[in-house]
Amino acid sequence: MNSIKCKRLLGLLLVFIVCLFSTTSPFQNFASFPEKLRMFTGERKMLNLPMPVTAQITMDHPEVLAVNGTSRTSFQVNLKQPLNLQTQRAGQTHMKLKLFGTIPLKTVEVNVVPDLKVIPGGQTIGVKIRSAGILVVGHHLVQENASRKISPGEEAGVMLGDLITAIDGIYINDVAKVAEVVEKAGREGKKLKLTLKRNGQMITTQIKPALDQEDQAYRLGLYIRDSAAGVGTLTFYAPDQGVYGALGHVITDMDTQTPIEVGEGQVVHSTVTSIDKSSNGEPGEKRATLFRDGKVLGNIEKNTHFGIFGKMTEFPDHGAMKEALPVAFAEDVKEGPAEILTVVNGQTVEKYQIQIVHVAKQRYAATKGMVIRITDPRLIEKTGGIVQGMSGSPIIQNGKLVGAVTHVFVNDPTSGYGCFIEWMLQDAGVMMKPVMNLEAS
């Protein structure tokens, strides 16, 4: 019995020692020491593992990374001092640490990618987008005779959110042309073959136009749309690649809430005329004018979860910054002070102070990467916080572009979400998707 009690006491003592040790600074630093690390060429980073011991570092590709100014396959370091990492060229190396040269301590996989800098935006832009087909946004009934109303489209199985990409095998993305085709088929008593895109799948159906007795025109019984327009904010311009990113979130159809598949589109100059201030429960809005005959800034080639992207030949006027800034990886964004660039009057981009209050640890590209709070009293006075049309406003922290404003909290308009700039850069095609696991270490 005494033996059992001793074992229990010893077990409790070991648990106590482990718990006590886990709260110490060396243990916490060891737990936070990364197993995988990403850096840009020319970048410096400090790794801290304050232990009163020496360690042997070996690297399989020392030409990629220098540690404490040393680029050799094997050398000694004192772990009481931080490790000063300096990247030298793009590539990958494994940095292995062994205590006293024999006891394995940690292996860090370091991926070095080419340096990337972009110019932060902040300008309010007009967005004109035409879908890659005809979007079905509703059904309506056609008065076929005095006693019968039908919707040919609904009877043919056409659903809200379907994209009509072709009629009788001919590509179509103009509502006016649909009316012509339907009228002709109706007079000839023919059925039309519709090619539809639904949830990424292509399907076909047959539909016969019905004559509306009220206006003597042939109808499909569908409400359709081929374009959309609005305002948003430019996030960045990459001069070396001649591309841009904006909005920070996908453009969806206002009725079906389905993402608009881009056929073609333009971004143009826009000027803010007034602000409807946000209040609790009521998000505000930028009111802006799109210049009908104004300068086209670029085209629209993609509409993704992280915004719109396309070619831009030159950086638009009225920017707060003319020089390119380095960008941050998602794992390098920290809670703390930052700033956004946006327009609240006319076309002048201004800087406003914010706080990044939460950073999500994302292994893969996903929206809602950070929670931000507006702290600048000037912006709160002018807008009440985040307003519609501010999405895409670049977020800058410690001299790096780290993300973009995406959404406002309806019940607290001084706060909202932001996405990491890394995901936008991937969708723009200027940053490769990571080959490493971004799981928090």
Protein backbone atom coordinates (compact mmCIF):
# COMPACT_ATOMS: atom_id res chain seq x y z
CA MET A 1 0.00 0.00 0.00
CA ASN A 2 2.86 2.37 0.92
CA SER A 3 4.42 1.61 -2.47
CA ILE A 4 1.22 2.65 -4.29
CA LYS A 5 1.04 5.91 -2.27
CA CYS A 6 4.66 6.66 -3.08
CA LYS A 7 4.06 6.14 -6.77
CA ARG A 8 1.05 8.46 -6.66
CA LEU A 9 2.99 11.14 -4.82
CA LEU A 10 5.87 10.80 -7.26
CA GLY A 11 3.44 11.11 -10.18
CA LEU A 12 1.85 14.22 -8.70
CA LEU A 13 5.30 15.70 -8.10
CA LEU A 14 6.31 15.06 -11.73
CA VAL A 15 3.07 16.67 -12.97
CA PHE A 16 3.74 19.68 -10.73
CA ILE A 17 7.31 20.01 -12.03
CA VAL A 18 6.18 19.76 -15.67
CA CYS A 19 3.44 22.37 -15.11
CA LEU A 20 5.89 24.65 -13.33
CA PHE A 21 8.51 24.27 -16.07
CA SER A 22 5.92 24.89 -18.81
CA THR A 23 5.36 28.41 -17.43
CA THR A 24 9.03 29.33 -17.60
CA SER A 25 10.36 31.63 -20.29
CA PRO A 26 12.77 29.09 -21.89
CA PHE A 27 9.97 26.53 -22.30
CA GLN A 28 7.56 29.09 -23.78
CA ASN A 29 10.24 30.34 -26.16
CA PHE A 30 11.02 26.77 -27.20
CA ALA A 31 7.31 26.06 -27.82
CA SER A 32 7.01 29.19 -29.99
CA PHE A 33 10.21 28.48 -31.90
CA PRO A 34 9.02 27.77 -35.48
CA GLU A 35 9.52 24.51 -37.30
CA LYS A 36 8.86 26.20 -40.65
CA LEU A 37 9.72 29.73 -41.61
CA ARG A 38 9.14 31.85 -44.71
CA MET A 39 11.20 34.91 -45.60
CA PHE A 40 11.81 37.18 -48.56
CA THR A 41 15.26 37.63 -50.09
CA GLY A 42 17.14 40.40 -48.31
CA GLU A 43 14.97 40.10 -45.20
CA ARG A 44 16.28 39.87 -41.65
CA LYS A 45 14.58 38.10 -38.76
CA MET A 46 15.46 37.37 -35.13
CA LEU A 47 14.76 34.03 -33.45
CA ASN A 48 14.98 33.96 -29.69
CA LEU A 49 15.61 30.79 -27.68
CA PRO A 50 17.32 32.07 -24.52
CA MET A 51 19.05 29.00 -23.10
CA PRO A 52 22.41 29.16 -21.29
CA VAL A 53 23.96 26.57 -23.57
CA THR A 54 25.82 26.30 -26.86
CA ALA A 55 24.41 24.54 -29.90
CA GLN A 56 25.72 23.20 -33.17
CA ILE A 57 23.93 24.50 -36.28
CA THR A 58 24.11 22.57 -39.53
CA MET A 59 22.54 23.68 -42.82
CA ASP A 60 22.18 21.75 -46.06
CA HIS A 61 22.12 24.93 -48.19
CA PRO A 62 24.09 27.65 -46.39
CA GLU A 63 24.10 29.82 -49.51
CA VAL A 64 20.38 30.50 -48.88
CA LEU A 65 20.66 31.77 -45.30
CA ALA A 66 23.25 33.36 -43.03
CA VAL A 67 22.96 32.95 -39.24
CA ASN A 68 24.73 35.54 -37.08
CA GLY A 69 26.64 36.53 -40.21
CA THR A 70 27.86 32.99 -40.84
CA SER A 71 27.17 30.98 -44.01
CA ARG A 72 28.69 27.58 -43.40
CA THR A 73 27.36 24.04 -43.28
CA SER A 74 28.25 23.70 -39.59
CA PHE A 75 29.11 26.13 -36.78
CA GLN A 76 28.60 26.83 -33.07
CA VAL A 77 26.20 29.40 -31.56
CA ASN A 78 25.43 30.58 -28.04
CA LEU A 79 21.67 30.27 -27.47
CA LYS A 80 21.76 32.94 -24.76
CA GLN A 81 21.84 35.41 -27.66
CA PRO A 82 19.10 35.73 -30.35
CA LEU A 83 19.78 34.12 -33.71
CA ASN A 84 20.08 36.79 -36.41
CA LEU A 85 18.84 35.36 -39.72
CA GLN A 86 19.73 37.07 -43.01
CA THR A 87 18.43 35.65 -46.28
CA GLN A 88 20.83 35.65 -49.23
CA ARG A 89 18.98 34.13 -52.17
CA ALA A 90 15.75 32.31 -52.98
CA GLY A 91 15.68 28.65 -52.06
CA GLN A 92 15.15 26.28 -49.17
CA THR A 93 17.43 25.18 -46.38
CA HIS A 94 17.07 23.13 -43.20
CA MET A 95 18.65 24.61 -40.08
CA LYS A 96 19.31 21.85 -37.52
CA LEU A 97 20.16 22.72 -33.91
CA LYS A 98 21.89 20.22 -31.61
CA LEU A 99 22.76 20.89 -27.98
CA PHE A 100 26.47 20.45 -27.33
CA GLY A 101 26.69 19.21 -30.92
CA THR A 102 25.03 15.87 -30.12
CA ILE A 103 21.50 16.22 -28.66
CA PRO A 104 18.87 17.09 -31.34
CA LEU A 105 16.95 20.21 -30.29
CA LYS A 106 15.09 21.66 -33.28
CA THR A 107 15.00 21.57 -37.08
CA VAL A 108 13.70 24.66 -38.88
CA GLU A 109 12.75 24.48 -42.56
CA VAL A 110 13.43 27.91 -44.06
CA ASN A 111 11.82 28.84 -47.39
CA VAL A 112 13.18 31.99 -49.01
CA VAL A 113 11.14 33.52 -51.83
CA PRO A 114 12.03 36.43 -54.15
CA ASP A 115 11.48 39.89 -52.70
CA LEU A 116 8.11 41.42 -53.51
CA LYS A 117 7.01 45.04 -53.21
CA VAL A 118 3.75 46.69 -54.29
CA ILE A 119 2.30 50.19 -54.11
CA PRO A 120 -0.57 50.50 -51.61
CA GLY A 121 -3.75 51.99 -53.05
CA GLY A 122 -6.61 53.50 -51.10
CA GLN A 123 -8.23 55.27 -54.07
CA THR A 124 -11.97 54.92 -54.53
CA ILE A 125 -12.62 53.22 -57.87
CA GLY A 126 -15.67 52.62 -60.00
CA VAL A 127 -16.26 48.99 -60.96
CA LYS A 128 -18.08 48.02 -64.15
CA ILE A 129 -18.40 44.30 -64.70
CA ARG A 130 -20.13 42.19 -67.33
CA SER A 131 -20.75 38.55 -66.52
CA ALA A 132 -19.55 35.64 -68.65
CA GLY A 133 -23.13 34.92 -69.68
CA ILE A 134 -26.65 35.85 -68.59
CA LEU A 135 -27.40 35.49 -64.89
CA VAL A 136 -30.86 34.25 -63.89
CA VAL A 137 -32.04 36.30 -60.91
CA GLY A 138 -35.72 35.33 -60.74
CA HIS A 139 -38.81 33.76 -62.29
CA HIS A 140 -41.95 35.54 -63.45
CA LEU A 141 -45.30 34.38 -64.85
CA VAL A 142 -46.34 34.96 -68.44
CA GLN A 143 -50.07 35.50 -69.12
CA GLU A 144 -50.35 32.86 -71.83
CA ASN A 145 -54.19 33.12 -71.98
CA ALA A 146 -57.06 34.42 -69.89
CA SER A 147 -56.94 31.48 -67.48
CA ARG A 148 -53.30 30.37 -67.54
CA LYS A 149 -50.06 31.90 -66.34
CA ILE A 150 -46.79 30.01 -66.77
CA SER A 151 -43.05 30.46 -66.40
CA PRO A 152 -41.40 28.54 -69.25
CA GLY A 153 -38.02 28.92 -67.57
CA GLU A 154 -39.16 27.48 -64.26
CA GLU A 155 -40.92 24.59 -66.02
CA ALA A 156 -37.67 23.89 -67.93
CA GLY A 157 -35.80 23.56 -64.65
CA VAL A 158 -33.87 26.84 -64.86
CA MET A 159 -32.90 27.92 -61.33
CA LEU A 160 -31.97 31.21 -59.68
CA GLY A 161 -28.22 31.72 -59.89
CA ASP A 162 -27.88 29.75 -63.14
CA LEU A 163 -25.63 31.35 -65.73
CA ILE A 164 -26.90 31.06 -69.30
CA THR A 165 -23.72 30.77 -71.34
CA ALA A 166 -25.19 29.89 -74.74
CA ILE A 167 -28.49 29.71 -76.63
CA ASP A 168 -28.64 27.15 -79.43
CA GLY A 169 -24.88 26.73 -79.09
CA ILE A 170 -24.08 30.45 -79.53
CA TYR A 171 -22.29 32.28 -76.68
CA ILE A 172 -24.34 35.14 -75.29
CA ASN A 173 -23.79 37.74 -72.56
CA ASP A 174 -26.09 40.58 -73.64
CA VAL A 175 -29.66 40.81 -72.32
CA ALA A 176 -30.78 42.77 -75.40
CA LYS A 177 -29.67 39.95 -77.69
CA VAL A 178 -31.59 37.42 -75.61
CA ALA A 179 -34.82 39.32 -76.32
CA GLU A 180 -34.13 39.19 -80.05
CA VAL A 181 -33.46 35.43 -80.05
CA VAL A 182 -36.53 34.68 -77.92
CA GLU A 183 -38.83 36.77 -80.12
CA LYS A 184 -37.60 35.06 -83.28
CA ALA A 185 -37.97 31.55 -81.81
CA GLY A 186 -41.44 32.37 -80.51
CA ARG A 187 -42.70 33.52 -83.89
CA GLU A 188 -41.29 30.37 -85.50
CA GLY A 189 -42.74 28.10 -82.77
CA LYS A 190 -39.31 26.67 -81.95
CA LYS A 191 -37.76 25.52 -78.70
CA LEU A 192 -34.46 26.99 -77.61
CA LYS A 193 -31.55 24.97 -76.23
CA LEU A 194 -30.08 26.71 -73.19
CA THR A 195 -26.58 25.88 -71.95
CA LEU A 196 -26.38 26.63 -68.22
CA LYS A 197 -23.55 26.77 -65.73
CA ARG A 198 -24.68 25.71 -62.26
CA ASN A 199 -22.29 25.22 -59.35
CA GLY A 200 -19.43 24.78 -61.80
CA GLN A 201 -21.24 22.13 -63.83
CA MET A 202 -22.50 22.59 -67.41
CA ILE A 203 -26.06 21.42 -68.13
CA THR A 204 -28.53 21.90 -70.98
CA THR A 205 -32.30 22.24 -71.16
CA GLN A 206 -34.99 22.93 -73.74
CA ILE A 207 -37.33 25.91 -73.36
CA LYS A 208 -40.20 27.14 -75.51
CA PRO A 209 -40.98 30.90 -75.35
CA ALA A 210 -44.54 31.79 -74.35
CA LEU A 211 -46.52 34.68 -75.84
CA ASP A 212 -47.51 37.21 -73.21
CA GLN A 213 -51.06 38.29 -74.03
CA GLU A 214 -50.61 41.58 -72.20
CA ASP A 215 -47.86 43.03 -74.39
CA GLN A 216 -47.87 40.52 -77.28
CA ALA A 217 -44.17 39.69 -76.78
CA TYR A 218 -42.57 36.29 -76.33
CA ARG A 219 -41.08 35.62 -72.89
CA LEU A 220 -39.03 32.96 -71.10
CA GLY A 221 -40.52 33.75 -67.71
CA LEU A 222 -37.06 34.65 -66.35
CA TYR A 223 -35.61 37.77 -64.80
CA ILE A 224 -32.06 38.07 -66.11
CA ARG A 225 -29.05 40.35 -65.69
CA ASP A 226 -25.78 40.71 -67.60
CA SER A 227 -23.83 43.37 -65.68
CA ALA A 228 -23.20 45.14 -62.39
CA ALA A 229 -21.63 48.41 -61.27
CA GLY A 230 -20.52 49.91 -57.98
CA VAL A 231 -17.65 51.46 -56.06
CA GLY A 232 -14.86 50.03 -53.95
CA THR A 233 -11.28 50.69 -52.96
CA LEU A 234 -8.03 49.85 -54.73
CA THR A 235 -5.79 47.74 -52.49
CA PHE A 236 -2.49 47.56 -54.38
CA TYR A 237 -0.75 48.01 -57.69
CA ALA A 238 2.18 45.73 -58.58
CA PRO A 239 4.28 47.78 -61.04
CA ASP A 240 6.66 44.98 -62.02
CA GLN A 241 3.78 42.74 -63.09
CA GLY A 242 1.38 45.51 -64.19
CA VAL A 243 -1.53 44.10 -62.17
CA TYR A 244 -3.76 45.31 -59.34
CA GLY A 245 -6.04 43.96 -56.62
CA ALA A 246 -9.11 45.62 -55.11
CA LEU A 247 -12.14 45.18 -52.80
CA GLY A 248 -10.86 42.29 -50.65
CA HIS A 249 -14.08 40.31 -51.16
CA VAL A 250 -16.07 38.74 -53.97
CA ILE A 251 -18.66 40.69 -55.98
CA THR A 252 -22.01 38.90 -55.78
CA ASP A 253 -25.30 39.49 -57.52
CA MET A 254 -27.54 41.56 -55.24
CA ASP A 255 -30.57 39.28 -55.73
CA THR A 256 -29.14 35.76 -55.80
CA GLN A 257 -25.98 36.42 -53.75
CA THR A 258 -24.05 34.25 -56.20
CA PRO A 259 -20.55 35.33 -57.26
CA ILE A 260 -20.48 37.07 -60.63
CA GLU A 261 -18.35 35.18 -63.14
CA VAL A 262 -16.38 37.77 -65.09
CA GLY A 263 -16.75 38.05 -68.83
CA GLU A 264 -15.19 41.46 -69.08
CA GLY A 265 -14.99 44.62 -67.00
CA GLN A 266 -13.25 47.88 -66.19
CA VAL A 267 -12.12 49.89 -63.20
CA VAL A 268 -12.41 53.65 -63.62
CA HIS A 269 -11.77 56.84 -61.71
CA SER A 270 -14.37 57.70 -59.08
CA THR A 271 -14.87 60.55 -56.63
CA VAL A 272 -16.57 60.42 -53.22
CA THR A 273 -19.40 62.94 -53.01
CA SER A 274 -20.74 62.22 -49.51
CA ILE A 275 -20.76 59.72 -46.65
CA ASP A 276 -23.76 58.11 -44.99
CA LYS A 277 -22.30 57.51 -41.52
CA SER A 278 -22.44 54.10 -39.90
CA SER A 279 -24.29 53.58 -36.64
CA ASN A 280 -25.02 50.52 -34.52
CA GLY A 281 -27.19 48.20 -36.59
CA GLU A 282 -26.93 50.39 -39.71
CA PRO A 283 -23.77 50.19 -41.85
CA GLY A 284 -22.98 53.43 -43.64
CA GLU A 285 -22.01 53.94 -47.26
CA LYS A 286 -19.70 55.95 -49.47
CA ARG A 287 -21.63 57.82 -52.13
CA ALA A 288 -19.46 58.22 -55.19
CA THR A 289 -19.70 59.28 -58.80
CA LEU A 290 -18.37 57.08 -61.59
CA PHE A 291 -16.98 59.12 -64.46
CA ARG A 292 -18.92 57.92 -67.48
CA ASP A 293 -16.26 59.05 -69.94
CA GLY A 294 -13.39 59.05 -67.47
CA LYS A 295 -10.05 57.37 -67.72
CA VAL A 296 -10.08 53.58 -67.62
CA LEU A 297 -7.55 52.45 -65.01
CA GLY A 298 -7.56 48.75 -65.83
CA ASN A 299 -9.56 45.70 -66.83
CA ILE A 300 -11.21 43.05 -64.67
CA GLU A 301 -10.08 39.49 -65.28
CA LYS A 302 -10.98 37.74 -62.00
CA ASN A 303 -13.64 38.00 -59.32
CA THR A 304 -12.57 35.79 -56.40
CA HIS A 305 -13.26 35.45 -52.68
CA PHE A 306 -10.53 38.07 -52.17
CA GLY A 307 -11.68 40.72 -54.65
CA ILE A 308 -11.22 41.70 -58.26
CA PHE A 309 -7.96 41.50 -60.19
CA GLY A 310 -6.70 42.48 -63.60
CA LYS A 311 -4.18 44.47 -65.63
CA MET A 312 -3.34 48.08 -64.84
CA THR A 313 -0.84 49.99 -66.95
CA GLU A 314 -0.04 52.73 -64.43
CA PHE A 315 -0.73 53.65 -60.82
CA PRO A 316 -3.78 55.98 -60.59
CA ASP A 317 -3.55 59.55 -59.33
CA HIS A 318 -4.19 60.83 -55.79
CA GLY A 319 -2.36 58.03 -53.97
CA ALA A 320 -0.94 58.67 -50.49
CA MET A 321 2.18 56.67 -51.37
CA LYS A 322 4.16 56.60 -54.58
CA GLU A 323 6.84 54.14 -53.53
CA ALA A 324 6.38 50.38 -53.33
CA LEU A 325 6.26 48.77 -49.88
CA PRO A 326 7.30 45.27 -48.85
CA VAL A 327 4.48 42.85 -48.05
CA ALA A 328 3.99 40.56 -45.08
CA PHE A 329 3.23 36.86 -44.97
CA ALA A 330 0.04 35.93 -43.13
CA GLU A 331 1.97 34.52 -40.16
CA ASP A 332 3.91 37.79 -39.74
CA VAL A 333 0.84 39.95 -39.05
CA LYS A 334 0.63 40.84 -35.34
CA GLU A 335 -1.98 42.22 -32.99
CA GLY A 336 -1.30 45.90 -32.41
CA PRO A 337 -1.43 49.33 -34.06
CA ALA A 338 -1.68 49.71 -37.82
CA GLU A 339 -3.16 52.14 -40.34
CA ILE A 340 -5.44 52.07 -43.36
CA LEU A 341 -5.47 54.18 -46.52
CA THR A 342 -8.87 55.31 -47.80
CA VAL A 343 -10.89 58.20 -49.24
CA VAL A 344 -13.74 59.95 -47.43
CA ASN A 345 -14.04 63.05 -49.58
CA GLY A 346 -13.27 63.68 -53.24
CA GLN A 347 -10.30 61.67 -54.44
CA THR A 348 -7.69 62.35 -51.75
CA VAL A 349 -6.31 59.25 -50.05
CA GLU A 350 -5.55 59.72 -46.34
CA LYS A 351 -4.01 57.60 -43.57
CA TYR A 352 -6.07 56.63 -40.53
CA GLN A 353 -5.04 54.78 -37.36
CA ILE A 354 -6.53 51.38 -36.52
CA GLN A 355 -5.85 48.51 -34.14
CA ILE A 356 -5.49 44.88 -35.23
CA VAL A 357 -7.22 43.21 -32.28
CA HIS A 358 -7.16 39.59 -33.44
CA VAL A 359 -5.16 37.59 -35.98
CA ALA A 360 -6.42 34.20 -37.15
CA LYS A 361 -3.89 31.42 -37.67
CA GLN A 362 -4.84 30.27 -41.16
CA ARG A 363 -3.25 27.20 -42.71
CA TYR A 364 -4.86 27.94 -46.06
CA ALA A 365 -6.31 30.93 -47.89
CA ALA A 366 -9.51 32.05 -46.16
CA THR A 367 -11.41 35.27 -45.60
CA LYS A 368 -11.72 36.94 -42.19
CA GLY A 369 -8.02 36.75 -41.41
CA MET A 370 -8.03 39.54 -38.85
CA VAL A 371 -10.35 41.65 -36.75
CA ILE A 372 -9.65 45.38 -36.87
CA ARG A 373 -10.95 48.37 -34.93
CA ILE A 374 -10.91 51.99 -36.10
CA THR A 375 -9.16 54.11 -33.47
CA ASP A 376 -8.62 57.35 -35.41
CA PRO A 377 -11.13 59.93 -34.09
CA ARG A 378 -11.03 61.80 -37.43
CA LEU A 379 -12.34 58.77 -39.34
CA ILE A 380 -14.95 57.93 -36.68
CA GLU A 381 -16.18 61.51 -36.82
CA LYS A 382 -16.45 61.46 -40.63
CA THR A 383 -17.83 57.94 -41.19
CA GLY A 384 -18.82 56.41 -37.87
CA GLY A 385 -16.29 53.66 -38.55
CA ILE A 386 -16.21 51.28 -41.52
CA VAL A 387 -18.69 51.97 -44.32
CA GLN A 388 -19.66 50.20 -47.52
CA GLY A 389 -17.29 51.19 -50.29
CA MET A 390 -14.31 51.13 -47.90
CA SER A 391 -13.68 47.43 -48.61
CA GLY A 392 -10.27 46.99 -50.15
CA SER A 393 -8.64 49.79 -48.15
CA PRO A 394 -5.04 48.64 -47.61
CA ILE A 395 -3.85 47.84 -44.08
CA ILE A 396 -0.24 48.78 -43.29
CA GLN A 397 1.71 47.63 -40.24
CA ASN A 398 5.37 48.31 -39.42
CA GLY A 399 6.04 49.64 -42.92
CA LYS A 400 4.59 46.58 -44.67
CA LEU A 401 1.35 45.99 -46.54
CA VAL A 402 -0.38 43.27 -44.52
CA GLY A 403 -4.00 43.14 -45.64
CA ALA A 404 -7.21 44.84 -46.73
CA VAL A 405 -10.46 45.88 -45.05
CA THR A 406 -13.30 43.54 -46.08
CA HIS A 407 -16.39 43.75 -43.85
CA VAL A 408 -17.97 45.85 -41.11
CA PHE A 409 -19.56 44.53 -37.92
CA VAL A 410 -23.18 45.63 -38.19
CA ASN A 411 -23.61 46.06 -34.44
CA ASP A 412 -20.25 47.80 -34.01
CA PRO A 413 -19.28 49.72 -37.15
CA THR A 414 -15.96 50.82 -35.64
CA SER A 415 -14.85 47.20 -36.04
CA GLY A 416 -14.75 44.70 -38.87
CA TYR A 417 -12.76 42.06 -40.71
CA GLY A 418 -9.69 42.22 -42.89
CA CYS A 419 -8.06 39.64 -45.14
CA PHE A 420 -4.35 38.93 -45.40
CA ILE A 421 -2.64 40.56 -48.36
CA GLU A 422 -0.90 37.27 -49.14
CA TRP A 423 -4.13 35.70 -50.38
CA MET A 424 -4.89 38.70 -52.62
CA LEU A 425 -1.37 38.58 -54.08
CA GLN A 426 -1.82 34.89 -54.87
CA ASP A 427 -5.08 35.56 -56.72
CA ALA A 428 -3.41 38.42 -58.60
CA GLY A 429 -0.70 36.00 -59.75
CA VAL A 430 2.23 37.89 -58.22
CA MET A 431 2.91 35.49 -55.35
CA MET A 432 3.18 31.73 -55.57
CA LYS A 433 0.96 29.63 -53.34
CA PRO A 434 2.98 28.29 -50.39
CA VAL A 435 4.28 24.74 -50.52
CA MET A 436 4.73 24.70 -46.78
CA ASN A 437 2.21 24.01 -44.03
CA LEU A 438 1.20 27.28 -42.33
CA GLU A 439 0.01 25.60 -39.17
CA ALA A 440 0.81 27.74 -36.17
CA SER A 441 3.86 26.62 -34.28
